[in-house]
PDB file of N, CA and C in Angstrom:
ATOM      1  N   UNK A   1    -115.390  54.265 -46.932  1.00  0.00           N
ATOM      2  CA  UNK A   1    -115.925  55.045 -45.983  1.00  0.00           C
ATOM      3  C   UNK A   1    -115.697  54.164 -44.780  1.00  0.00           C
ATOM      4  N   UNK A   2    -114.841  54.733 -43.419  1.00  0.00           N
ATOM      5  CA  UNK A   2    -114.843  54.168 -42.147  1.00  0.00           C
ATOM      6  C   UNK A   2    -115.879  54.861 -41.410  1.00  0.00           C
ATOM      7  N   UNK A   3    -115.798  54.442 -40.014  1.00  0.00           N
ATOM      8  CA  UNK A   3    -116.286  55.144 -38.892  1.00  0.00           C
ATOM      9  C   UNK A   3    -116.084  54.977 -37.827  1.00  0.00           C
ATOM     10  N   UNK A   4    -115.468  55.813 -36.663  1.00  0.00           N
ATOM     11  CA  UNK A   4    -115.043  55.984 -35.767  1.00  0.00           C
ATOM     12  C   UNK A   4    -116.106  56.289 -34.587  1.00  0.00           C
ATOM     13  N   UNK A   5    -116.127  55.627 -33.429  1.00  0.00           N
ATOM     14  CA  UNK A   5    -117.205  55.506 -32.382  1.00  0.00           C
ATOM     15  C   UNK A   5    -116.392  55.884 -31.015  1.00  0.00           C
ATOM     16  N   UNK A   6    -116.296  57.012 -30.310  1.00  0.00           N
ATOM     17  CA  UNK A   6    -115.840  57.912 -29.371  1.00  0.00           C
ATOM     18  C   UNK A   6    -116.661  57.517 -28.191  1.00  0.00           C
ATOM     19  N   UNK A   7    -116.505  57.265 -26.888  1.00  0.00           N
ATOM     20  CA  UNK A   7    -117.162  57.393 -25.814  1.00  0.00           C
ATOM     21  C   UNK A   7    -116.817  58.867 -24.849  1.00  0.00           C
ATOM     22  N   UNK A   8    -117.344  59.681 -24.943  1.00  0.00           N
ATOM     23  CA  UNK A   8    -117.314  60.976 -24.403  1.00  0.00           C
ATOM     24  C   UNK A   8    -116.981  60.920 -23.109  1.00  0.00           C
ATOM     25  N   UNK A   9    -117.194  59.919 -22.443  1.00  0.00           N
ATOM     26  CA  UNK A   9    -117.030  60.095 -21.264  1.00  0.00           C
ATOM     27  C   UNK A   9    -115.687  59.368 -20.522  1.00  0.00           C
ATOM     28  N   UNK A  10    -115.294  58.654 -21.446  1.00  0.00           N
ATOM     29  CA  UNK A  10    -114.158  57.765 -21.489  1.00  0.00           C
ATOM     30  C   UNK A  10    -112.910  58.680 -22.021  1.00  0.00           C
ATOM     31  N   UNK A  11    -113.202  60.166 -22.564  1.00  0.00           N
ATOM     32  CA  UNK A  11    -112.198  60.474 -23.246  1.00  0.00           C
ATOM     33  C   UNK A  11    -111.507  61.723 -22.611  1.00  0.00           C
ATOM     34  N   UNK A  12    -110.349  61.823 -22.022  1.00  0.00           N
ATOM     35  CA  UNK A  12    -109.648  62.660 -21.697  1.00  0.00           C
ATOM     36  C   UNK A  12    -108.943  64.049 -22.296  1.00  0.00           C
ATOM     37  N   UNK A  13    -109.163  64.267 -23.182  1.00  0.00           N
ATOM     38  CA  UNK A  13    -108.779  64.966 -24.211  1.00  0.00           C
ATOM     39  C   UNK A  13    -107.693  65.390 -24.518  1.00  0.00           C
ATOM     40  N   UNK A  14    -106.896  64.554 -24.305  1.00  0.00           N
ATOM     41  CA  UNK A  14    -105.047  64.288 -24.289  1.00  0.00           C
ATOM     42  C   UNK A  14    -104.706  64.704 -25.850  1.00  0.00           C
ATOM     43  N   UNK A  15    -106.065  64.290 -27.090  1.00  0.00           N
ATOM     44  CA  UNK A  15    -105.728  65.113 -28.205  1.00  0.00           C
ATOM     45  C   UNK A  15    -104.720  63.883 -29.130  1.00  0.00           C
ATOM     46  N   UNK A  16    -104.462  62.896 -28.586  1.00  0.00           N
ATOM     47  CA  UNK A  16    -102.957  62.340 -29.052  1.00  0.00           C
ATOM     48  C   UNK A  16    -103.936  61.049 -30.516  1.00  0.00           C
ATOM     49  N   UNK A  17    -104.954  60.951 -30.460  1.00  0.00           N
ATOM     50  CA  UNK A  17    -105.911  60.468 -31.404  1.00  0.00           C
ATOM     51  C   UNK A  17    -105.869  61.345 -32.258  1.00  0.00           C
ATOM     52  N   UNK A  18    -106.274  62.695 -32.323  1.00  0.00           N
ATOM     53  CA  UNK A  18    -106.254  63.405 -33.156  1.00  0.00           C
ATOM     54  C   UNK A  18    -104.621  63.800 -34.200  1.00  0.00           C
ATOM     55  N   UNK A  19    -103.766  63.801 -32.969  1.00  0.00           N
ATOM     56  CA  UNK A  19    -102.572  63.797 -34.182  1.00  0.00           C
ATOM     57  C   UNK A  19    -102.073  63.058 -34.692  1.00  0.00           C
ATOM     58  N   UNK A  20    -102.482  61.418 -34.523  1.00  0.00           N
ATOM     59  CA  UNK A  20    -102.029  60.065 -35.432  1.00  0.00           C
ATOM     60  C   UNK A  20    -103.208  60.334 -36.379  1.00  0.00           C
ATOM     61  N   UNK A  21    -104.791  60.840 -36.560  1.00  0.00           N
ATOM     62  CA  UNK A  21    -105.065  60.591 -37.364  1.00  0.00           C
ATOM     63  C   UNK A  21    -104.912  61.172 -38.953  1.00  0.00           C
ATOM     64  N   UNK A  22    -104.988  60.314 -40.014  1.00  0.00           N
ATOM     65  CA  UNK A  22    -104.318  60.915 -41.122  1.00  0.00           C
ATOM     66  C   UNK A  22    -104.890  61.677 -42.171  1.00  0.00           C
ATOM     67  N   UNK A  23    -106.159  61.574 -41.831  1.00  0.00           N
ATOM     68  CA  UNK A  23    -107.399  62.269 -42.721  1.00  0.00           C
ATOM     69  C   UNK A  23    -107.936  63.118 -42.196  1.00  0.00           C
ATOM     70  N   UNK A  24    -107.547  63.882 -40.843  1.00  0.00           N
ATOM     71  CA  UNK A  24    -108.032  64.833 -39.816  1.00  0.00           C
ATOM     72  C   UNK A  24    -109.558  64.762 -39.743  1.00  0.00           C
ATOM     73  N   UNK A  25    -110.027  63.804 -39.337  1.00  0.00           N
ATOM     74  CA  UNK A  25    -111.312  63.222 -38.818  1.00  0.00           C
ATOM     75  C   UNK A  25    -111.463  63.815 -37.765  1.00  0.00           C
ATOM     76  N   UNK A  26    -110.798  63.598 -36.546  1.00  0.00           N
ATOM     77  CA  UNK A  26    -110.887  63.805 -34.795  1.00  0.00           C
ATOM     78  C   UNK A  26    -110.813  65.565 -34.868  1.00  0.00           C
ATOM     79  N   UNK A  27    -111.642  65.842 -33.787  1.00  0.00           N
ATOM     80  CA  UNK A  27    -111.590  67.235 -33.713  1.00  0.00           C
ATOM     81  C   UNK A  27    -112.028  67.290 -31.728  1.00  0.00           C
ATOM     82  N   UNK A  28    -111.296  68.146 -31.305  1.00  0.00           N
ATOM     83  CA  UNK A  28    -111.654  68.372 -29.660  1.00  0.00           C
ATOM     84  C   UNK A  28    -112.629  69.359 -29.860  1.00  0.00           C
ATOM     85  N   UNK A  29    -113.885  68.664 -28.797  1.00  0.00           N
ATOM     86  CA  UNK A  29    -115.404  69.314 -28.798  1.00  0.00           C
ATOM     87  C   UNK A  29    -114.982  70.963 -28.390  1.00  0.00           C
ATOM     88  N   UNK A  30    -116.209  71.665 -28.603  1.00  0.00           N
ATOM     89  CA  UNK A  30    -116.114  72.679 -27.892  1.00  0.00           C
ATOM     90  C   UNK A  30    -117.005  72.654 -26.508  1.00  0.00           C
ATOM     91  N   UNK A  31    -118.024  71.885 -26.310  1.00  0.00           N
ATOM     92  CA  UNK A  31    -118.626  71.171 -25.444  1.00  0.00           C
ATOM     93  C   UNK A  31    -117.699  70.266 -24.283  1.00  0.00           C
ATOM     94  N   UNK A  32    -117.979  70.538 -23.008  1.00  0.00           N
ATOM     95  CA  UNK A  32    -117.504  69.656 -22.162  1.00  0.00           C
ATOM     96  C   UNK A  32    -118.534  68.135 -21.545  1.00  0.00           C
ATOM     97  N   UNK A  33    -117.763  67.209 -21.122  1.00  0.00           N
ATOM     98  CA  UNK A  33    -118.536  66.013 -20.776  1.00  0.00           C
ATOM     99  C   UNK A  33    -118.958  66.200 -19.598  1.00  0.00           C
ATOM    100  N   UNK A  34    -119.306  65.376 -18.573  1.00  0.00           N
ATOM    101  CA  UNK A  34    -119.859  65.492 -17.537  1.00  0.00           C
ATOM    102  C   UNK A  34    -118.889  65.811 -16.251  1.00  0.00           C
ATOM    103  N   UNK A  35    -117.294  65.628 -16.615  1.00  0.00           N
ATOM    104  CA  UNK A  35    -116.329  65.490 -15.907  1.00  0.00           C
ATOM    105  C   UNK A  35    -115.530  66.646 -16.413  1.00  0.00           C
ATOM    106  N   UNK A  36    -116.036  67.870 -16.817  1.00  0.00           N
ATOM    107  CA  UNK A  36    -115.671  68.988 -17.106  1.00  0.00           C
ATOM    108  C   UNK A  36    -114.093  68.812 -18.246  1.00  0.00           C
ATOM    109  N   UNK A  37    -114.649  68.047 -19.145  1.00  0.00           N
ATOM    110  CA  UNK A  37    -113.326  68.245 -20.099  1.00  0.00           C
ATOM    111  C   UNK A  37    -114.107  68.040 -21.316  1.00  0.00           C
ATOM    112  N   UNK A  38    -112.929  68.577 -22.031  1.00  0.00           N
ATOM    113  CA  UNK A  38    -113.547  68.649 -23.815  1.00  0.00           C
ATOM    114  C   UNK A  38    -113.069  67.531 -24.601  1.00  0.00           C
ATOM    115  N   UNK A  39    -114.228  66.865 -24.189  1.00  0.00           N
ATOM    116  CA  UNK A  39    -113.724  65.406 -25.665  1.00  0.00           C
ATOM    117  C   UNK A  39    -113.383  65.410 -26.917  1.00  0.00           C
ATOM    118  N   UNK A  40    -112.758  64.300 -27.617  1.00  0.00           N
ATOM    119  CA  UNK A  40    -113.116  64.323 -28.690  1.00  0.00           C
ATOM    120  C   UNK A  40    -113.953  63.916 -29.712  1.00  0.00           C
ATOM    121  N   UNK A  41    -114.214  64.622 -30.944  1.00  0.00           N
ATOM    122  CA  UNK A  41    -115.513  64.152 -31.323  1.00  0.00           C
ATOM    123  C   UNK A  41    -114.952  63.910 -32.914  1.00  0.00           C
ATOM    124  N   UNK A  42    -115.398  62.973 -34.188  1.00  0.00           N
ATOM    125  CA  UNK A  42    -115.643  62.820 -35.311  1.00  0.00           C
ATOM    126  C   UNK A  42    -116.238  63.908 -35.705  1.00  0.00           C
ATOM    127  N   UNK A  43    -115.510  65.137 -36.386  1.00  0.00           N
ATOM    128  CA  UNK A  43    -116.372  66.283 -37.337  1.00  0.00           C
ATOM    129  C   UNK A  43    -116.124  65.783 -38.575  1.00  0.00           C
ATOM    130  N   UNK A  44    -115.244  65.315 -39.194  1.00  0.00           N
ATOM    131  CA  UNK A  44    -115.169  64.729 -40.141  1.00  0.00           C
ATOM    132  C   UNK A  44    -115.238  63.531 -40.996  1.00  0.00           C
ATOM    133  N   UNK A  45    -116.331  62.925 -40.741  1.00  0.00           N
ATOM    134  CA  UNK A  45    -116.989  61.715 -40.497  1.00  0.00           C
ATOM    135  C   UNK A  45    -116.572  61.125 -41.872  1.00  0.00           C
ATOM    136  N   UNK A  46    -117.030  61.670 -42.893  1.00  0.00           N
ATOM    137  CA  UNK A  46    -116.946  61.441 -44.184  1.00  0.00           C
ATOM    138  C   UNK A  46    -115.179  60.870 -44.552  1.00  0.00           C
ATOM    139  N   UNK A  47    -114.201  61.478 -43.891  1.00  0.00           N
ATOM    140  CA  UNK A  47    -112.985  61.084 -44.273  1.00  0.00           C
ATOM    141  C   UNK A  47    -112.447  60.113 -43.299  1.00  0.00           C
ATOM    142  N   UNK A  48    -112.548  59.656 -42.752  1.00  0.00           N
ATOM    143  CA  UNK A  48    -112.411  58.353 -41.906  1.00  0.00           C
ATOM    144  C   UNK A  48    -112.442  56.988 -42.920  1.00  0.00           C
ATOM    145  N   UNK A  49    -111.197  56.394 -42.851  1.00  0.00           N
ATOM    146  CA  UNK A  49    -110.693  55.008 -43.697  1.00  0.00           C
ATOM    147  C   UNK A  49    -110.966  54.023 -42.821  1.00  0.00           C
ATOM    148  N   UNK A  50    -111.140  53.966 -41.376  1.00  0.00           N
ATOM    149  CA  UNK A  50    -110.830  53.222 -40.829  1.00  0.00           C
ATOM    150  C   UNK A  50    -109.935  52.341 -40.403  1.00  0.00           C
ATOM    151  N   UNK A  51    -108.731  53.099 -40.478  1.00  0.00           N
ATOM    152  CA  UNK A  51    -107.411  52.450 -40.404  1.00  0.00           C
ATOM    153  C   UNK A  51    -107.076  52.257 -38.723  1.00  0.00           C
ATOM    154  N   UNK A  52    -108.007  52.585 -37.624  1.00  0.00           N
ATOM    155  CA  UNK A  52    -107.667  52.343 -36.208  1.00  0.00           C
ATOM    156  C   UNK A  52    -106.951  53.011 -35.731  1.00  0.00           C
ATOM    157  N   UNK A  53    -105.901  53.884 -36.293  1.00  0.00           N
ATOM    158  CA  UNK A  53    -104.911  53.818 -35.744  1.00  0.00           C
ATOM    159  C   UNK A  53    -105.008  55.415 -34.414  1.00  0.00           C
ATOM    160  N   UNK A  54    -106.207  55.988 -34.628  1.00  0.00           N
ATOM    161  CA  UNK A  54    -106.581  56.779 -33.290  1.00  0.00           C
ATOM    162  C   UNK A  54    -106.521  55.565 -32.128  1.00  0.00           C
ATOM    163  N   UNK A  55    -107.418  54.566 -32.419  1.00  0.00           N
ATOM    164  CA  UNK A  55    -108.066  53.707 -31.151  1.00  0.00           C
ATOM    165  C   UNK A  55    -106.798  52.850 -30.534  1.00  0.00           C
ATOM    166  N   UNK A  56    -105.820  53.063 -31.522  1.00  0.00           N
ATOM    167  CA  UNK A  56    -104.449  51.775 -31.004  1.00  0.00           C
ATOM    168  C   UNK A  56    -103.733  53.322 -30.224  1.00  0.00           C
ATOM    169  N   UNK A  57    -103.489  54.314 -30.539  1.00  0.00           N
ATOM    170  CA  UNK A  57    -103.032  55.583 -29.819  1.00  0.00           C
ATOM    171  C   UNK A  57    -103.849  55.637 -28.726  1.00  0.00           C
ATOM    172  N   UNK A  58    -105.281  55.710 -28.712  1.00  0.00           N
ATOM    173  CA  UNK A  58    -105.480  56.225 -27.303  1.00  0.00           C
ATOM    174  C   UNK A  58    -105.480  55.564 -25.720  1.00  0.00           C
ATOM    175  N   UNK A  59    -104.816  56.167 -25.168  1.00  0.00           N
ATOM    176  CA  UNK A  59    -104.305  55.422 -23.801  1.00  0.00           C
ATOM    177  C   UNK A  59    -105.447  54.870 -23.005  1.00  0.00           C
ATOM    178  N   UNK A  60    -106.556  55.687 -23.098  1.00  0.00           N
ATOM    179  CA  UNK A  60    -107.700  55.047 -22.292  1.00  0.00           C
ATOM    180  C   UNK A  60    -108.892  54.388 -22.860  1.00  0.00           C
ATOM    181  N   UNK A  61    -108.869  54.226 -24.061  1.00  0.00           N
ATOM    182  CA  UNK A  61    -110.063  52.926 -24.864  1.00  0.00           C
ATOM    183  C   UNK A  61    -111.151  53.993 -25.010  1.00  0.00           C
ATOM    184  N   UNK A  62    -111.170  55.265 -25.108  1.00  0.00           N
ATOM    185  CA  UNK A  62    -112.186  55.819 -25.459  1.00  0.00           C
ATOM    186  C   UNK A  62    -112.951  55.901 -26.713  1.00  0.00           C
ATOM    187  N   UNK A  63    -112.053  55.532 -27.793  1.00  0.00           N
ATOM    188  CA  UNK A  63    -112.639  55.051 -29.105  1.00  0.00           C
ATOM    189  C   UNK A  63    -112.634  53.292 -28.956  1.00  0.00           C
ATOM    190  N   UNK A  64    -113.843  53.290 -28.725  1.00  0.00           N
ATOM    191  CA  UNK A  64    -114.638  52.077 -28.542  1.00  0.00           C
ATOM    192  C   UNK A  64    -114.916  51.224 -29.354  1.00  0.00           C
ATOM    193  N   UNK A  65    -115.207  51.733 -30.926  1.00  0.00           N
ATOM    194  CA  UNK A  65    -115.541  50.855 -32.126  1.00  0.00           C
ATOM    195  C   UNK A  65    -114.734  51.536 -33.121  1.00  0.00           C
ATOM    196  N   UNK A  66    -114.539  51.079 -34.549  1.00  0.00           N
ATOM    197  CA  UNK A  66    -114.177  51.822 -35.738  1.00  0.00           C
ATOM    198  C   UNK A  66    -114.428  50.411 -36.233  1.00  0.00           C
ATOM    199  N   UNK A  67    -115.164  51.033 -37.624  1.00  0.00           N
ATOM    200  CA  UNK A  67    -115.342  50.535 -38.494  1.00  0.00           C
ATOM    201  C   UNK A  67    -114.806  50.603 -39.885  1.00  0.00           C
ATOM    202  N   UNK A  68    -114.592  49.770 -40.988  1.00  0.00           N
ATOM    203  CA  UNK A  68    -114.181  50.100 -42.086  1.00  0.00           C
ATOM    204  C   UNK A  68    -115.443  49.827 -43.613  1.00  0.00           C
TER     205      UNK A  68
END
């Protein structure tokens, strides 16, 4: 089981990481951050395999860590 850490303040809500995740771990939040943006969060944490595709795809480096 992997784990992903997302900095919600860096996330601009582009959802590129959501599209690339092979296990549907990530989802757009229903609450916004201090910038008024709905960031991504790890909803299905137990599905994460630590592939880091999300971190590689994030243009703002909002995904700060991925563990295997």
